[in-house]
Protein backbone atom coordinates (compact mmCIF):
# COMPACT_ATOMS: atom_id res chain seq x y z
CA MET A 1 46.00 -73.24 54.83
CA THR A 2 49.53 -72.59 53.58
CA GLY A 3 51.13 -74.56 56.38
CA SER A 4 48.90 -77.53 55.62
CA LEU A 5 49.82 -77.42 51.95
CA ASP A 6 53.51 -77.14 52.77
CA GLU A 7 53.24 -80.15 55.02
CA ILE A 8 51.58 -82.20 52.29
CA GLU A 9 54.23 -81.17 49.78
CA ARG A 10 57.00 -82.24 52.16
CA LYS A 11 55.43 -85.68 52.45
CA LEU A 12 55.52 -86.02 48.65
CA CYS A 13 59.25 -86.62 48.88
CA SER A 14 59.78 -88.89 45.88
CA GLU A 15 62.19 -87.62 43.23
CA CYS A 16 60.94 -90.08 40.62
CA GLU A 17 58.73 -88.26 38.10
CA PRO A 18 56.65 -91.35 37.12
CA VAL A 19 55.89 -91.92 40.81
CA LEU A 20 54.81 -88.30 41.25
CA THR A 21 52.65 -88.59 38.12
CA GLN A 22 51.01 -91.71 39.51
CA ALA A 23 50.39 -89.91 42.82
CA LEU A 24 48.75 -87.05 40.91
CA GLN A 25 46.44 -89.43 39.07
CA PHE A 26 45.52 -91.15 42.31
CA ALA A 27 44.74 -87.81 43.97
CA LEU A 28 42.56 -86.87 40.99
CA ARG A 29 40.56 -90.08 41.35
CA CYS A 30 40.13 -89.54 45.09
CA ARG A 31 38.85 -86.00 44.63
CA GLU A 32 36.47 -87.17 41.92
CA ARG A 33 35.08 -89.87 44.22
CA GLU A 34 34.63 -87.35 47.02
CA MET A 35 32.81 -84.91 44.74
CA THR A 36 30.60 -87.72 43.45
CA ARG A 37 29.78 -88.75 47.02
CA GLY A 38 28.47 -85.28 47.80
CA GLN A 39 26.53 -85.06 44.53
CA ARG A 40 24.84 -88.41 45.14
CA ALA A 41 23.78 -87.30 48.61
CA GLU A 42 22.21 -84.17 47.12
CA THR A 43 20.45 -86.21 44.41
CA ARG A 44 18.97 -88.57 46.98
CA ALA A 45 17.95 -85.64 49.19
CA THR A 46 16.12 -84.09 46.24
CA ALA A 47 14.28 -87.37 45.69
CA MET A 48 13.40 -87.49 49.40
CA LEU A 49 11.93 -83.99 49.16
CA GLY A 50 9.54 -85.25 46.51
CA ILE A 51 8.66 -88.36 48.53
CA LEU A 52 8.10 -86.39 51.72
CA GLY A 53 5.99 -83.87 49.82
CA LEU A 54 3.80 -86.72 48.60
CA ILE A 55 3.53 -88.11 52.13
CA ALA A 56 2.58 -84.66 53.44
CA THR A 57 -0.11 -84.36 50.77
CA LEU A 58 -1.59 -87.73 51.76
CA ALA A 59 -1.47 -86.74 55.42
CA VAL A 60 -3.30 -83.48 54.81
CA ALA A 61 -5.92 -85.32 52.75
CA GLN A 62 -6.64 -87.61 55.71
CA ALA A 63 -7.23 -84.74 58.14
CA ASN A 64 -10.93 -84.42 57.32
CA VAL A 65 -11.69 -87.96 58.56
CA LEU A 66 -10.98 -86.85 62.12
CA VAL A 67 -14.13 -84.72 62.11
CA ASP A 68 -16.40 -87.75 62.54
CA VAL A 69 -14.38 -89.29 65.40
CA GLN A 70 -14.85 -88.47 69.07
CA GLY A 71 -13.58 -89.37 72.52
CA GLY A 72 -10.63 -91.67 73.06
CA ARG A 73 -10.65 -92.61 69.39
CA LEU A 74 -10.10 -89.02 68.37
CA ALA A 75 -7.28 -88.61 70.90
CA LEU A 76 -5.40 -91.68 69.64
CA LEU A 77 -5.89 -90.88 65.97
CA GLY A 78 -4.93 -87.27 66.60
CA VAL A 79 -1.69 -88.27 68.30
CA ILE A 80 -0.78 -90.67 65.48
CA TYR A 81 -1.63 -88.03 62.89
CA LEU A 82 0.39 -85.29 64.55
CA ALA A 83 3.33 -87.65 65.07
CA SER A 84 3.35 -88.53 61.37
CA LEU A 85 3.32 -84.85 60.43
CA ALA A 86 6.15 -84.16 62.88
CA PHE A 87 8.34 -86.82 61.26
CA VAL A 88 7.51 -85.47 57.81
CA VAL A 89 8.62 -81.99 58.88
CA ARG A 90 11.75 -83.46 60.43
CA GLY A 91 12.56 -85.29 57.22
CA LEU A 92 12.07 -82.12 55.20
CA TYR A 93 14.36 -80.24 57.57
CA PHE A 94 17.18 -82.74 57.15
CA ALA A 95 16.66 -82.92 53.37
CA MET A 96 16.98 -79.16 53.11
CA GLY A 97 20.09 -79.40 55.28
CA VAL A 98 21.69 -81.67 52.68
CA LEU A 99 20.88 -79.23 49.89
CA ARG A 100 21.80 -76.11 51.82
CA GLY A 101 24.89 -74.54 50.29
CA ARG A 102 28.06 -74.34 52.33
CA MET A 103 31.27 -72.54 51.53
CA VAL A 104 34.09 -75.02 50.94
CA ASN A 105 37.68 -73.85 50.79
CA GLN A 106 39.24 -74.30 47.36
CA ILE A 107 42.47 -73.46 45.66
CA ASN A 108 42.26 -70.08 43.91
CA LEU A 109 42.66 -69.93 40.16
CA GLU A 110 45.48 -67.42 40.62
CA SER A 111 47.48 -70.16 42.33
CA VAL A 112 48.46 -71.33 38.84
CA PHE A 113 51.09 -68.57 38.87
CA ASP A 114 52.86 -70.50 41.62
CA PHE A 115 54.07 -72.90 38.94
CA GLY A 116 56.34 -70.22 37.53
CA GLY A 117 59.97 -71.17 37.96
CA LEU A 118 59.22 -74.74 39.12
CA ASN A 119 60.66 -77.80 37.46
CA SER A 120 58.37 -80.64 36.37
CA LYS A 121 58.81 -82.65 39.59
CA ASP A 122 58.04 -79.72 41.87
CA ALA A 123 55.03 -78.79 39.71
CA LEU A 124 53.65 -82.32 40.02
CA ARG A 125 54.29 -82.26 43.74
CA LYS A 126 52.49 -78.94 44.19
CA GLU A 127 49.46 -79.91 42.10
CA THR A 128 49.12 -83.21 43.95
CA ALA A 129 49.28 -81.38 47.28
CA TRP A 130 46.50 -79.05 46.13
CA LEU A 131 44.29 -82.01 45.15
CA ILE A 132 44.89 -83.77 48.47
CA TRP A 133 44.07 -80.59 50.38
CA GLU A 134 40.86 -79.96 48.42
CA THR A 135 39.76 -83.57 48.93
CA ARG A 136 40.24 -83.18 52.68
CA GLU A 137 38.18 -79.99 52.63
CA LEU A 138 35.31 -81.78 50.86
CA ARG A 139 35.24 -84.76 53.21
CA GLN A 140 33.72 -83.13 56.29
CA PRO A 141 30.84 -81.36 54.47
CA ASN A 142 30.08 -84.58 52.59
CA ASN A 143 30.02 -86.56 55.84
CA ALA A 144 27.56 -84.00 57.22
CA LYS A 145 25.39 -84.34 54.09
CA LEU A 146 25.27 -88.13 54.44
CA TRP A 147 24.44 -87.85 58.14
CA ARG A 148 21.50 -85.54 57.39
CA LEU A 149 20.37 -87.76 54.51
CA ASP A 150 20.34 -90.77 56.81
CA ARG A 151 18.16 -88.92 59.32
CA CYS A 152 15.89 -87.72 56.51
CA GLN A 153 15.33 -91.25 55.20
CA ARG A 154 14.65 -92.62 58.66
CA SER A 155 12.15 -89.86 59.39
CA GLY A 156 10.36 -90.56 56.12
CA PHE A 157 10.25 -94.27 56.91
CA VAL A 158 8.72 -93.63 60.33
CA ALA A 159 6.20 -91.19 58.82
CA VAL A 160 5.04 -93.85 56.34
CA ILE A 161 4.62 -96.40 59.14
CA LEU A 162 2.64 -93.91 61.21
CA LEU A 163 0.31 -93.06 58.34
CA GLY A 164 -0.23 -96.76 57.72
CA LEU A 165 -1.03 -97.23 61.40
CA PHE A 166 -3.38 -94.26 61.22
CA GLY A 167 -5.27 -95.96 58.42
CA LEU A 168 -5.47 -99.28 60.27
CA VAL A 169 -6.75 -97.69 63.47
CA LEU A 170 -9.26 -95.62 61.52
CA PHE A 171 -10.51 -98.76 59.76
CA ALA A 172 -10.82 -100.58 63.10
CA VAL A 173 -12.73 -97.66 64.57
CA LYS A 174 -15.15 -97.11 61.70
CA LYS A 175 -15.67 -100.66 60.46
CA GLY A 176 -15.05 -102.69 63.57
CA GLY A 177 -16.51 -100.31 66.11
CA TRP A 178 -13.32 -100.48 68.18
CA ASP A 179 -13.72 -98.53 71.38
CA ILE A 180 -10.47 -96.92 72.54
CA SER A 181 -9.61 -95.62 75.97
CA GLY A 182 -8.00 -92.20 76.18
CA CYS A 183 -4.96 -93.67 77.95
CA TRP A 184 -3.89 -95.31 74.68
CA SER A 185 -3.22 -91.87 73.20
CA VAL A 186 -0.89 -91.12 76.12
CA VAL A 187 0.92 -94.44 75.68
CA PHE A 188 1.35 -93.89 71.97
CA GLY A 189 2.47 -90.31 72.53
CA VAL A 190 5.23 -91.54 74.85
CA VAL A 191 6.28 -94.16 72.29
CA ALA A 192 6.38 -91.52 69.54
CA LEU A 193 8.60 -89.30 71.70
CA LEU A 194 10.95 -92.22 72.36
CA VAL A 195 11.20 -92.88 68.63
CA TRP A 196 11.81 -89.17 68.01
CA PHE A 197 14.74 -88.95 70.39
CA PHE A 198 16.15 -92.47 70.10
CA GLU A 199 15.42 -93.42 66.50
CA LYS A 200 19.13 -93.96 65.77
CA ASN A 201 19.40 -96.58 68.50
CA LEU A 202 16.17 -98.24 67.40
CA PHE A 203 17.23 -98.46 63.76
CA ASN A 204 20.71 -99.69 64.66
CA ALA A 205 19.09 -102.53 66.60
CA ILE A 206 17.52 -103.75 63.33
CA PRO A 207 20.03 -105.91 61.36
CA TRP A 208 18.92 -104.84 57.88
CA SER A 209 19.13 -101.12 58.75
CA ARG A 210 22.87 -101.44 59.41
CA GLY A 211 23.49 -102.54 55.84
């Protein structure tokens, strides 16, 4: 840690105090943006927990309709239902991963004593180096939070689609008398597994999902 800070301080080589002051203000803004980025990820993850909880409640409420279904129909509906629950659990796992606390290295409060004996330029240089170092320490955990949030949102999206499909198939079975072969449950199970393992590639292939 010390070597890294020393290296940053050496790069702050300007001897112009206004320039060092401007560098300090810039470092402050960068750290604030990085902290805000992590806080926003946690806020969105909290919202996703509520959404996924609602989806799970709806899924559990639909379980009783499987009692009146038999044969290939039951197999297909069961696979869709279990797949939707699996994606809900996956989304919850990633949401909790965003909110899970992680120790991030920070400058100790006692480091303020390091200012003793420094002139104003060296003090500005040292404080700026601290801010740059702390911002770097925040970046990797925040990137991990955003990665987990992205997976959480995608899992929730797939779970909603699966529950909608569950409702459509159930309607076709009960109202339309749709007879379903058991092989369809196998086909859908394979498709669900492909989505589970390759959802990133599938979403990246959709233009709007890339932002």
